[in-house]
Amino acid sequence: MIEVEQLSGGYGSGLIIRGVSFSVQKGELFGILGPNGSGKTTLMNMLSGLNMPASGAILVKNKPIQAYSPKELARVVAVLPQMTSSQFAYSVKETVSLGRYAHQTGFFKSWSEYDEEAVRDAMKKTGTETFADKPLSALSGGEQQRVFLAQALAQEPEILLLDEPTNHLDLSFQKDFLDLLKQMTADDLTVISIFHDLNLASLYCDRLLLMEKGAVHTIGTSGDIMKEEHIRDVYKTDVQKQPHPEVPKPQMSLLPASSIETSVEVGEEMIEWHGDYLAIRPPVQLKTLSSGVIGAGWGWRSAFVNRHVDKNYNMDNFEEEAAHYFRERGFDLNETVGMMTAVKMEDAAFRREVQDDVSVFAVATAGVGNAVDVTRPRVSWKELHKPGTINIWVFANGKLSEEAFVQGLMTATEAKVKALADAGVTDLQTGTIATGTSTDSILIAATQRGAYQQFAGSITPLGIAIGRAVYESVAESLKKTARRKAMS
């Protein structure tokens, strides 16, 4: 639909755009990114025909943009500029009707039923028909932006150009507006839009152009553009890439300048012993990866609770019941990792290990009544109703990469399996060495202070500390549980 070839130009004799080339296909939502002063708006003005380039070419439907008269171009290209306050007392319908000017032979002298239908259709698509008779000035910013979009759609363009369309819109209006644009591209409307918000652009655009100092820095999919090195290079700021939790689109998080922080080390002195639960509440939030009943997945947490439940505990709504239990005891669920076990809290064991520049503190409760060998097929699940759960907490006093978190889970699991093997714990069905229980939970938490730990494999300092701490705490808890049962 649009081809840009070695485009250069600006205002007067100065060059702002320098050698820019790209193409946009029919039905594509194409985003333009870049810091202030990178040439985004100047480029958009050239694409709209408002400014002519000093050199290079813009082809609209394989035809040079200069070959179009203003009205001809307006029948193909509609422009939605940055939202400004309206200076005229037009009604919503009158404002939208202005979009039909490009199709008139005289100033509204040839208004037809088709024009009327185009206006109604544009208002219906944008949800503005419900306030058609209201003055534009009486609407909120988000409502006004939808009216101006309806005006652009009333032109029946094939290409829609937008300059920061979500600027000044609240969160819900941003989503509704961009959802609508994305829906219209499915109907073959081509959309080219400037974005300031990198994450919105990544979510909605098919491809992105990242500009720097009037030139193309990178062009491609969101995966090509949303790389830490690209964003740091162009925006001159620290960022960290994260996956979106629901869609395969990368997101960027700003990293504020770090302040001087006191070191924090989780250890035995932080354990709170209660009759039916034990807890650790560090003075700062820790970055966590867990499989707890409460607080599963990634997060930042400041409370860690392991709760004893009766061996006959079996509830369909166990998550709801657990949430109620923790709330009743003053734990904020947004800040808490919560686990449950039939093991008595007195059977918990812990171990601190130091290896080079990192220390690890592990806490375990280990019951193996329902121990299984995960490598063997199950004949029956009846035996698994016996109580038994191995809950493991690993607190690393260091700054861990995400790779180290995941490797830490693997290392801790290997250590758990070794402890079970050395204790001779077997699967009651198969008679083979057990690898765990059917309800095990694990937590890796890091203070994110101290020495950086990129890896946590079995030969790294962090991995060695995790392996030793987990092995010893699981082994000790198994012994405690066995002694208590033997005495009961």
Protein backbone atom coordinates (compact mmCIF):
# COMPACT_ATOMS: atom_id res chain seq x y z
CA MET A 1 0.00 0.00 0.00
CA ILE A 2 2.85 2.41 0.85
CA GLU A 3 6.47 2.21 -0.21
CA VAL A 4 9.08 4.63 1.09
CA GLU A 5 12.37 4.72 -0.79
CA GLN A 6 15.45 6.56 0.52
CA LEU A 7 13.35 9.38 1.92
CA SER A 8 15.11 12.51 3.17
CA GLY A 9 13.76 15.90 4.08
CA GLY A 10 12.63 18.27 6.78
CA TYR A 11 11.71 21.90 7.05
CA GLY A 12 13.45 24.61 5.05
CA SER A 13 16.98 23.60 4.19
CA GLY A 14 17.46 21.35 7.20
CA LEU A 15 17.32 17.57 6.96
CA ILE A 16 15.44 15.73 9.72
CA ILE A 17 14.66 12.50 7.85
CA ARG A 18 17.70 10.81 6.35
CA GLY A 19 17.56 7.91 3.90
CA VAL A 20 14.49 6.18 5.33
CA SER A 21 13.14 3.16 3.45
CA PHE A 22 10.32 0.76 4.35
CA SER A 23 7.06 -0.62 3.00
CA VAL A 24 3.67 -1.27 4.58
CA GLN A 25 1.35 -3.96 3.29
CA LYS A 26 -2.44 -3.93 2.98
CA GLY A 27 -4.18 -4.74 6.28
CA GLU A 28 -1.05 -4.20 8.36
CA LEU A 29 -0.84 -2.27 11.63
CA PHE A 30 2.58 -0.65 11.37
CA GLY A 31 4.06 1.22 14.33
CA ILE A 32 6.68 3.97 14.35
CA LEU A 33 8.81 4.29 17.50
CA GLY A 34 11.60 6.58 18.59
CA PRO A 35 12.51 9.17 21.21
CA ASN A 36 11.55 12.82 20.93
CA GLY A 37 13.41 14.45 18.07
CA SER A 38 13.93 11.21 16.15
CA GLY A 39 11.81 12.40 13.21
CA LYS A 40 8.59 10.45 13.74
CA THR A 41 6.16 13.35 13.20
CA THR A 42 8.18 14.73 10.28
CA LEU A 43 8.01 11.32 8.63
CA MET A 44 4.26 11.15 9.25
CA ASN A 45 3.76 14.61 7.71
CA MET A 46 5.53 13.39 4.57
CA LEU A 47 3.41 10.23 4.42
CA SER A 48 0.26 12.35 4.66
CA GLY A 49 1.39 14.68 1.86
CA LEU A 50 1.62 17.68 4.17
CA ASN A 51 5.38 18.06 3.61
CA MET A 52 7.21 17.13 0.44
CA PRO A 53 10.53 15.28 0.75
CA ALA A 54 13.82 16.79 -0.37
CA SER A 55 14.76 13.49 -1.99
CA GLY A 56 13.54 9.94 -2.26
CA ALA A 57 10.04 8.74 -3.05
CA ILE A 58 6.73 7.86 -1.41
CA LEU A 59 4.51 5.54 -3.43
CA VAL A 60 0.87 5.18 -2.43
CA LYS A 61 -0.72 2.21 -4.19
CA ASN A 62 2.25 2.19 -6.61
CA LYS A 63 1.68 5.86 -7.50
CA PRO A 64 3.94 8.76 -6.43
CA ILE A 65 2.27 10.77 -3.70
CA GLN A 66 2.90 14.00 -5.67
CA ALA A 67 0.70 12.67 -8.47
CA TYR A 68 -2.39 12.81 -6.24
CA SER A 69 -4.49 15.93 -5.89
CA PRO A 70 -5.40 16.76 -2.25
CA LYS A 71 -8.91 15.36 -2.67
CA GLU A 72 -7.68 12.24 -4.48
CA LEU A 73 -5.18 11.57 -1.71
CA ALA A 74 -7.86 12.11 0.95
CA ARG A 75 -9.95 9.36 -0.62
CA VAL A 76 -7.09 6.94 -0.03
CA VAL A 77 -5.35 8.30 3.08
CA ALA A 78 -6.99 9.63 6.25
CA VAL A 79 -5.04 11.33 9.01
CA LEU A 80 -5.82 11.32 12.72
CA PRO A 81 -3.41 13.84 14.31
CA GLN A 82 -2.60 14.22 17.97
CA MET A 83 -5.80 15.16 19.77
CA THR A 84 -6.32 18.89 20.27
CA SER A 85 -9.20 20.74 21.84
CA SER A 86 -11.99 21.63 19.43
CA GLN A 87 -12.35 25.32 18.62
CA PHE A 88 -15.77 24.94 17.05
CA ALA A 89 -19.19 24.20 18.53
CA TYR A 90 -19.88 21.28 16.20
CA SER A 91 -22.05 18.37 17.23
CA VAL A 92 -20.58 14.89 17.09
CA LYS A 93 -22.42 14.03 13.88
CA GLU A 94 -21.39 17.28 12.24
CA THR A 95 -17.77 16.60 13.16
CA VAL A 96 -17.90 13.10 11.72
CA SER A 97 -19.65 14.40 8.57
CA LEU A 98 -16.61 16.56 7.81
CA GLY A 99 -14.88 13.34 6.89
CA ARG A 100 -17.00 13.16 3.72
CA TYR A 101 -15.52 16.36 2.31
CA ALA A 102 -13.09 14.44 0.10
CA HIS A 103 -16.06 12.82 -1.66
CA GLN A 104 -17.98 16.04 -2.32
CA THR A 105 -18.09 17.93 -5.61
CA GLY A 106 -19.13 21.09 -3.76
CA PHE A 107 -19.17 22.05 -0.11
CA PHE A 108 -21.87 19.56 1.00
CA LYS A 109 -24.01 20.48 -2.06
CA SER A 110 -23.93 16.88 -3.28
CA TRP A 111 -24.68 15.21 0.05
CA SER A 112 -26.24 11.84 -0.69
CA GLU A 113 -27.82 8.94 1.10
CA TYR A 114 -24.52 7.10 0.58
CA ASP A 115 -22.70 9.88 2.44
CA GLU A 116 -25.25 9.63 5.24
CA GLU A 117 -24.76 5.87 5.42
CA ALA A 118 -20.95 6.25 5.53
CA VAL A 119 -21.26 8.63 8.49
CA ARG A 120 -23.67 6.29 10.31
CA ASP A 121 -21.39 3.32 9.70
CA ALA A 122 -18.31 5.18 10.97
CA MET A 123 -20.17 6.24 14.11
CA LYS A 124 -21.43 2.72 14.71
CA LYS A 125 -17.95 1.21 14.39
CA THR A 126 -16.54 3.69 16.89
CA GLY A 127 -19.48 3.60 19.30
CA THR A 128 -20.19 7.31 18.92
CA GLU A 129 -23.75 7.07 17.62
CA THR A 130 -25.17 7.20 21.15
CA PHE A 131 -24.05 10.83 21.57
CA ALA A 132 -24.42 11.96 17.96
CA ASP A 133 -26.24 15.17 18.86
CA LYS A 134 -24.01 16.23 21.73
CA PRO A 135 -21.55 19.09 21.21
CA LEU A 136 -18.02 17.83 20.79
CA SER A 137 -16.84 20.04 23.65
CA ALA A 138 -19.11 18.19 26.09
CA LEU A 139 -17.29 14.87 25.61
CA SER A 140 -14.39 13.37 27.50
CA GLY A 141 -10.96 13.10 25.90
CA GLY A 142 -11.45 9.43 25.07
CA GLU A 143 -14.87 10.08 23.55
CA GLN A 144 -13.50 12.95 21.46
CA GLN A 145 -10.73 10.74 20.14
CA ARG A 146 -13.29 8.18 19.03
CA VAL A 147 -15.23 10.96 17.26
CA PHE A 148 -12.12 12.01 15.35
CA LEU A 149 -11.48 8.39 14.44
CA ALA A 150 -15.07 8.18 13.17
CA GLN A 151 -14.41 11.31 11.10
CA ALA A 152 -11.35 9.66 9.56
CA LEU A 153 -13.27 6.45 8.87
CA ALA A 154 -16.07 8.43 7.22
CA GLN A 155 -13.53 9.24 4.51
CA GLU A 156 -13.57 5.50 3.72
CA PRO A 157 -9.79 5.48 3.45
CA GLU A 158 -7.63 2.53 2.58
CA ILE A 159 -4.79 3.89 4.72
CA LEU A 160 -5.12 5.50 8.15
CA LEU A 161 -2.27 7.56 9.61
CA LEU A 162 -2.24 8.27 13.34
CA ASP A 163 0.09 10.40 15.46
CA GLU A 164 0.17 9.07 19.04
CA PRO A 165 -3.54 8.14 19.04
CA THR A 166 -3.60 6.99 22.66
CA ASN A 167 -1.97 10.12 24.06
CA HIS A 168 -4.01 11.51 27.01
CA LEU A 169 -6.36 8.49 27.02
CA ASP A 170 -6.90 6.47 30.16
CA LEU A 171 -6.12 2.76 30.24
CA SER A 172 -9.55 1.43 29.22
CA PHE A 173 -9.86 3.90 26.33
CA GLN A 174 -6.37 2.97 25.11
CA LYS A 175 -7.32 -0.70 25.00
CA ASP A 176 -10.73 -0.10 23.38
CA PHE A 177 -9.21 2.24 20.79
CA LEU A 178 -6.40 -0.11 19.80
CA ASP A 179 -8.67 -3.16 19.83
CA LEU A 180 -10.87 -1.30 17.35
CA LEU A 181 -7.92 -0.41 15.11
CA LYS A 182 -6.72 -4.01 15.15
CA GLN A 183 -10.19 -5.22 14.25
CA MET A 184 -10.34 -2.82 11.30
CA THR A 185 -7.01 -4.05 9.92
CA ALA A 186 -8.65 -7.47 9.70
CA ASP A 187 -11.04 -5.79 7.24
CA ASP A 188 -8.03 -4.68 5.12
CA LEU A 189 -7.59 -1.16 6.51
CA THR A 190 -3.89 -0.31 6.57
CA VAL A 191 -2.85 1.56 9.71
CA ILE A 192 0.41 3.43 10.31
CA SER A 193 0.74 4.91 13.77
CA ILE A 194 3.30 6.71 15.90
CA PHE A 195 3.61 5.31 19.42
CA HIS A 196 5.36 6.58 22.52
CA ASP A 197 4.36 3.54 24.57
CA LEU A 198 6.67 0.68 23.56
CA ASN A 199 4.56 -1.98 25.23
CA LEU A 200 1.31 -0.96 23.52
CA ALA A 201 3.12 -0.88 20.18
CA SER A 202 4.51 -4.36 20.81
CA LEU A 203 1.07 -5.72 21.75
CA TYR A 204 -0.85 -4.39 18.76
CA CYS A 205 1.50 -3.83 15.82
CA ASP A 206 2.36 -6.40 13.19
CA ARG A 207 5.68 -4.69 12.54
CA LEU A 208 7.60 -1.78 14.01
CA LEU A 209 10.02 0.87 12.75
CA LEU A 210 12.46 2.12 15.39
CA MET A 211 13.91 5.51 14.46
CA GLU A 212 17.01 7.26 15.72
CA LYS A 213 18.13 10.75 14.67
CA GLY A 214 15.95 10.71 11.56
CA ALA A 215 17.16 7.34 10.29
CA VAL A 216 16.05 3.73 10.54
CA HIS A 217 17.67 2.02 13.48
CA THR A 218 15.78 -1.29 13.21
CA ILE A 219 12.66 -2.53 11.44
CA GLY A 220 10.82 -5.80 12.01
CA THR A 221 8.40 -7.64 14.27
CA SER A 222 8.04 -6.77 17.94
CA GLY A 223 10.44 -9.61 18.69
CA ASP A 224 13.04 -7.99 16.42
CA ILE A 225 12.60 -4.50 17.88
CA MET A 226 11.91 -5.15 21.58
CA LYS A 227 15.42 -6.17 22.49
CA GLU A 228 17.16 -4.61 25.44
CA GLU A 229 20.18 -3.59 23.40
CA HIS A 230 18.05 -1.78 20.80
CA ILE A 231 15.99 0.15 23.34
CA ARG A 232 19.01 1.04 25.47
CA ASP A 233 20.88 2.20 22.38
CA VAL A 234 18.09 4.44 21.05
CA TYR A 235 16.41 5.71 24.24
CA LYS A 236 19.58 5.85 26.36
CA THR A 237 17.91 4.26 29.38
CA ASP A 238 18.06 0.98 31.25
CA VAL A 239 15.30 -1.50 30.49
CA GLN A 240 14.61 -5.18 30.99
CA LYS A 241 12.59 -7.35 28.61
CA GLN A 242 9.82 -9.54 30.00
CA PRO A 243 7.31 -11.82 28.28
CA HIS A 244 3.68 -10.75 28.35
CA PRO A 245 1.78 -13.12 30.69
CA GLU A 246 -0.94 -13.99 28.15
CA VAL A 247 0.21 -13.26 24.58
CA PRO A 248 3.52 -13.95 22.80
CA LYS A 249 4.59 -10.30 22.73
CA PRO A 250 7.67 -8.94 24.55
CA GLN A 251 7.28 -6.10 27.03
CA MET A 252 9.83 -3.65 28.40
CA SER A 253 10.21 -2.59 32.03
CA LEU A 254 12.07 0.57 32.98
CA LEU A 255 14.83 0.09 35.52
CA PRO A 256 15.03 3.04 37.90
CA ALA A 257 18.40 4.18 39.15
CA SER A 258 19.29 1.95 42.07
CA SER A 259 19.60 3.58 45.46
CA ILE A 260 22.04 2.54 48.17
CA GLU A 261 20.45 -0.41 49.91
CA THR A 262 21.39 -2.27 53.03
CA SER A 263 22.17 -5.94 52.57
CA VAL A 264 19.57 -8.48 53.65
CA GLU A 265 20.23 -12.11 54.44
CA VAL A 266 17.44 -14.58 55.17
CA GLY A 267 18.34 -16.98 57.93
CA GLU A 268 17.23 -19.03 60.93
CA GLU A 269 16.53 -15.97 63.08
CA MET A 270 13.65 -14.97 60.75
CA ILE A 271 11.66 -18.20 61.21
CA GLU A 272 8.41 -17.71 63.11
CA TRP A 273 7.28 -20.98 64.71
CA HIS A 274 3.55 -21.41 65.29
CA GLY A 275 1.51 -24.48 66.17
CA ASP A 276 -0.03 -24.96 62.75
CA TYR A 277 2.31 -22.98 60.51
CA LEU A 278 5.75 -21.50 60.23
CA ALA A 279 6.53 -18.26 58.46
CA ILE A 280 9.41 -16.11 57.29
CA ARG A 281 8.84 -12.38 56.79
CA PRO A 282 11.96 -10.62 55.49
CA PRO A 283 12.15 -6.82 55.86
CA VAL A 284 12.18 -6.42 52.06
CA GLN A 285 10.36 -8.03 49.16
CA LEU A 286 12.12 -10.95 47.52
CA LYS A 287 11.90 -11.95 43.88
CA THR A 288 10.25 -15.38 43.78
CA LEU A 289 9.43 -18.31 41.57
CA SER A 290 7.20 -20.85 43.27
CA SER A 291 4.55 -23.53 42.97
CA GLY A 292 2.76 -22.57 46.17
CA VAL A 293 -1.00 -22.83 46.60
CA ILE A 294 -0.85 -19.04 47.08
CA GLY A 295 1.61 -16.91 45.12
CA ALA A 296 2.48 -19.40 42.38
CA GLY A 297 4.67 -18.27 39.47
CA TRP A 298 6.88 -15.19 39.36
CA GLY A 299 6.43 -12.36 41.82
CA TRP A 300 7.84 -10.14 44.52
CA ARG A 301 6.84 -11.39 47.98
CA SER A 302 7.52 -10.45 51.58
CA ALA A 303 5.85 -13.33 53.46
CA PHE A 304 6.40 -17.08 53.19
CA VAL A 305 4.10 -19.47 55.01
CA ASN A 306 4.09 -23.27 55.30
CA ARG A 307 0.84 -24.48 56.85
CA HIS A 308 0.07 -27.81 58.49
CA VAL A 309 -3.24 -29.42 57.50
CA ASP A 310 -4.88 -32.56 58.84
CA LYS A 311 -3.92 -35.78 57.05
CA ASN A 312 -7.56 -36.13 55.94
CA TYR A 313 -7.67 -32.63 54.42
CA ASN A 314 -9.41 -32.94 51.06
CA MET A 315 -11.36 -29.96 49.76
CA ASP A 316 -12.49 -29.18 46.23
CA ASN A 317 -12.17 -25.46 46.96
CA PHE A 318 -8.75 -25.77 48.61
CA GLU A 319 -7.43 -22.53 47.02
CA GLU A 320 -10.34 -20.53 48.42
CA GLU A 321 -10.02 -22.18 51.82
CA ALA A 322 -6.27 -21.58 51.91
CA ALA A 323 -6.72 -17.93 50.95
CA HIS A 324 -9.21 -17.49 53.78
CA TYR A 325 -6.81 -19.17 56.23
CA PHE A 326 -3.88 -16.91 55.35
CA ARG A 327 -5.98 -13.75 55.31
CA GLU A 328 -7.37 -14.54 58.76
CA ARG A 329 -3.82 -14.63 60.09
CA GLY A 330 -2.96 -11.24 58.69
CA PHE A 331 -1.13 -12.24 55.52
CA ASP A 332 -1.60 -10.07 52.42
CA LEU A 333 -2.19 -12.57 49.59
CA ASN A 334 -0.53 -10.23 47.10
CA GLU A 335 2.66 -10.41 49.14
CA THR A 336 2.57 -14.06 50.24
CA VAL A 337 3.74 -17.46 49.06
CA GLY A 338 1.65 -20.04 50.90
CA MET A 339 2.07 -23.82 50.98
CA MET A 340 0.30 -26.68 52.78
CA THR A 341 1.50 -30.00 54.13
CA ALA A 342 0.34 -32.80 56.42
CA VAL A 343 3.82 -32.80 57.98
CA LYS A 344 3.97 -31.39 61.51
CA MET A 345 5.74 -28.06 61.77
CA GLU A 346 8.06 -29.50 64.43
CA ASP A 347 9.47 -31.76 61.71
CA ALA A 348 10.70 -28.83 59.63
CA ALA A 349 14.45 -28.63 59.07
CA PHE A 350 16.69 -25.89 57.75
CA ARG A 351 20.25 -25.43 56.57
CA ARG A 352 22.48 -22.50 55.67
CA GLU A 353 25.29 -22.96 53.15
CA VAL A 354 27.92 -20.46 51.98
CA GLN A 355 29.85 -20.91 48.78
CA ASP A 356 32.24 -18.21 47.58
CA ASP A 357 30.25 -14.94 47.36
CA VAL A 358 26.72 -16.33 47.86
CA SER A 359 24.81 -17.88 50.74
CA VAL A 360 21.68 -20.03 50.65
CA PHE A 361 19.16 -20.77 53.38
CA ALA A 362 16.84 -23.75 52.80
CA VAL A 363 13.81 -24.86 54.79
CA ALA A 364 12.06 -28.19 54.20
CA THR A 365 9.14 -30.19 55.53
CA ALA A 366 9.28 -33.74 54.22
CA GLY A 367 6.59 -36.38 54.45
CA VAL A 368 6.64 -39.35 52.11
CA GLY A 369 3.45 -41.31 52.73
CA ASN A 370 2.49 -40.78 49.09
CA ALA A 371 6.00 -41.02 47.63
CA VAL A 372 6.11 -41.92 43.95
CA ASP A 373 8.62 -42.79 41.26
CA VAL A 374 7.72 -40.40 38.50
CA THR A 375 9.42 -42.59 35.88
CA ARG A 376 7.08 -45.55 36.42
CA PRO A 377 3.48 -45.90 35.13
CA ARG A 378 0.70 -45.95 37.72
CA VAL A 379 -1.64 -48.90 38.06
CA SER A 380 -3.83 -47.24 40.67
CA TRP A 381 -3.98 -43.87 42.40
CA LYS A 382 -5.51 -45.20 45.62
CA GLU A 383 -2.20 -45.39 47.50
CA LEU A 384 -1.58 -41.68 46.82
CA HIS A 385 -4.31 -40.70 49.28
CA LYS A 386 -1.86 -41.28 52.12
CA PRO A 387 -0.55 -38.00 53.58
CA GLY A 388 2.85 -36.77 52.56
CA THR A 389 4.29 -33.68 50.92
CA ILE A 390 7.79 -32.30 50.49
CA ASN A 391 7.78 -28.50 50.63
CA ILE A 392 11.11 -26.80 49.97
CA TRP A 393 12.03 -23.14 50.38
CA VAL A 394 15.32 -21.88 48.96
CA PHE A 395 16.39 -18.34 49.87
CA ALA A 396 19.39 -17.10 47.91
CA ASN A 397 21.20 -14.08 49.29
CA GLY A 398 22.36 -12.67 45.96
CA LYS A 399 21.20 -11.13 42.68
CA LEU A 400 19.91 -13.92 40.43
CA SER A 401 19.26 -13.93 36.70
CA GLU A 402 16.06 -15.58 35.51
CA GLU A 403 18.23 -18.40 34.19
CA ALA A 404 19.61 -18.88 37.70
CA PHE A 405 16.08 -19.07 39.13
CA VAL A 406 15.12 -21.88 36.77
CA GLN A 407 18.43 -23.71 37.16
CA GLY A 408 18.00 -23.33 40.92
CA LEU A 409 14.70 -25.21 40.71
CA MET A 410 16.44 -28.01 38.82
CA THR A 411 19.34 -28.17 41.26
CA ALA A 412 17.04 -28.19 44.29
CA THR A 413 14.95 -30.98 42.74
CA GLU A 414 18.08 -33.05 42.05
CA ALA A 415 19.14 -32.59 45.68
CA LYS A 416 15.69 -33.65 46.92
CA VAL A 417 15.79 -36.82 44.81
CA LYS A 418 19.28 -37.65 46.13
CA ALA A 419 18.05 -37.21 49.72
CA LEU A 420 15.15 -39.59 49.07
CA ALA A 421 17.44 -42.13 47.48
CA ASP A 422 19.93 -42.04 50.35
CA ALA A 423 17.05 -42.43 52.81
CA GLY A 424 15.76 -45.46 50.90
CA VAL A 425 12.31 -43.97 50.29
CA THR A 426 10.42 -46.11 47.79
CA ASP A 427 7.27 -45.96 45.72
CA LEU A 428 4.81 -48.32 47.45
CA GLN A 429 3.32 -49.47 44.14
CA THR A 430 6.49 -50.11 42.17
CA GLY A 431 9.03 -50.78 44.92
CA THR A 432 11.50 -48.48 43.17
CA ILE A 433 13.28 -45.45 44.61
CA ALA A 434 10.87 -42.53 44.90
CA THR A 435 11.60 -39.22 43.18
CA GLY A 436 9.17 -37.15 45.26
CA THR A 437 5.52 -37.05 46.26
CA SER A 438 2.45 -36.24 44.22
CA THR A 439 1.97 -32.88 45.95
CA ASP A 440 5.48 -31.42 46.33
CA SER A 441 5.91 -27.64 46.26
CA ILE A 442 9.04 -25.55 45.83
CA LEU A 443 10.12 -21.94 46.18
CA ILE A 444 13.20 -20.10 44.96
CA ALA A 445 13.45 -16.60 46.45
CA ALA A 446 16.28 -14.10 46.07
CA THR A 447 17.09 -10.89 47.90
CA GLN A 448 18.40 -9.46 44.60
CA ARG A 449 21.18 -7.84 46.58
CA GLY A 450 24.82 -8.75 46.66
CA ALA A 451 26.89 -10.58 44.07
CA TYR A 452 25.32 -11.32 40.68
CA GLN A 453 24.61 -15.01 40.06
CA GLN A 454 23.98 -15.79 36.40
CA PHE A 455 23.85 -19.56 36.83
CA ALA A 456 22.73 -22.06 39.46
CA GLY A 457 23.74 -25.35 37.87
CA SER A 458 25.29 -28.11 39.95
CA ILE A 459 28.92 -26.93 39.53
CA THR A 460 28.36 -23.21 40.15
CA PRO A 461 28.82 -21.62 43.59
CA LEU A 462 25.08 -20.91 43.85
CA GLY A 463 24.19 -24.42 42.64
CA ILE A 464 26.56 -26.07 45.10
CA ALA A 465 25.07 -24.04 47.97
CA ILE A 466 21.52 -24.89 46.90
CA GLY A 467 22.34 -28.57 46.52
CA ARG A 468 23.91 -28.89 49.94
CA ALA A 469 21.28 -26.81 51.76
CA VAL A 470 18.33 -28.62 50.19
CA TYR A 471 19.85 -32.07 50.61
CA GLU A 472 20.61 -31.56 54.28
CA SER A 473 17.27 -29.93 55.15
CA VAL A 474 15.21 -32.59 53.33
CA ALA A 475 17.28 -35.41 54.83
CA GLU A 476 16.93 -33.98 58.34
CA SER A 477 13.18 -33.43 57.98
CA LEU A 478 12.75 -37.02 56.77
CA LYS A 479 14.54 -38.24 59.91
CA LYS A 480 12.41 -36.05 62.19
CA THR A 481 9.19 -37.25 60.56
CA ALA A 482 10.28 -40.89 60.81
CA ARG A 483 11.25 -40.53 64.51
CA ARG A 484 7.96 -38.87 65.41
CA LYS A 485 5.92 -41.55 63.62
CA ALA A 486 7.94 -44.31 65.30
CA MET A 487 7.17 -42.82 68.69
CA SER A 488 3.44 -42.32 68.05
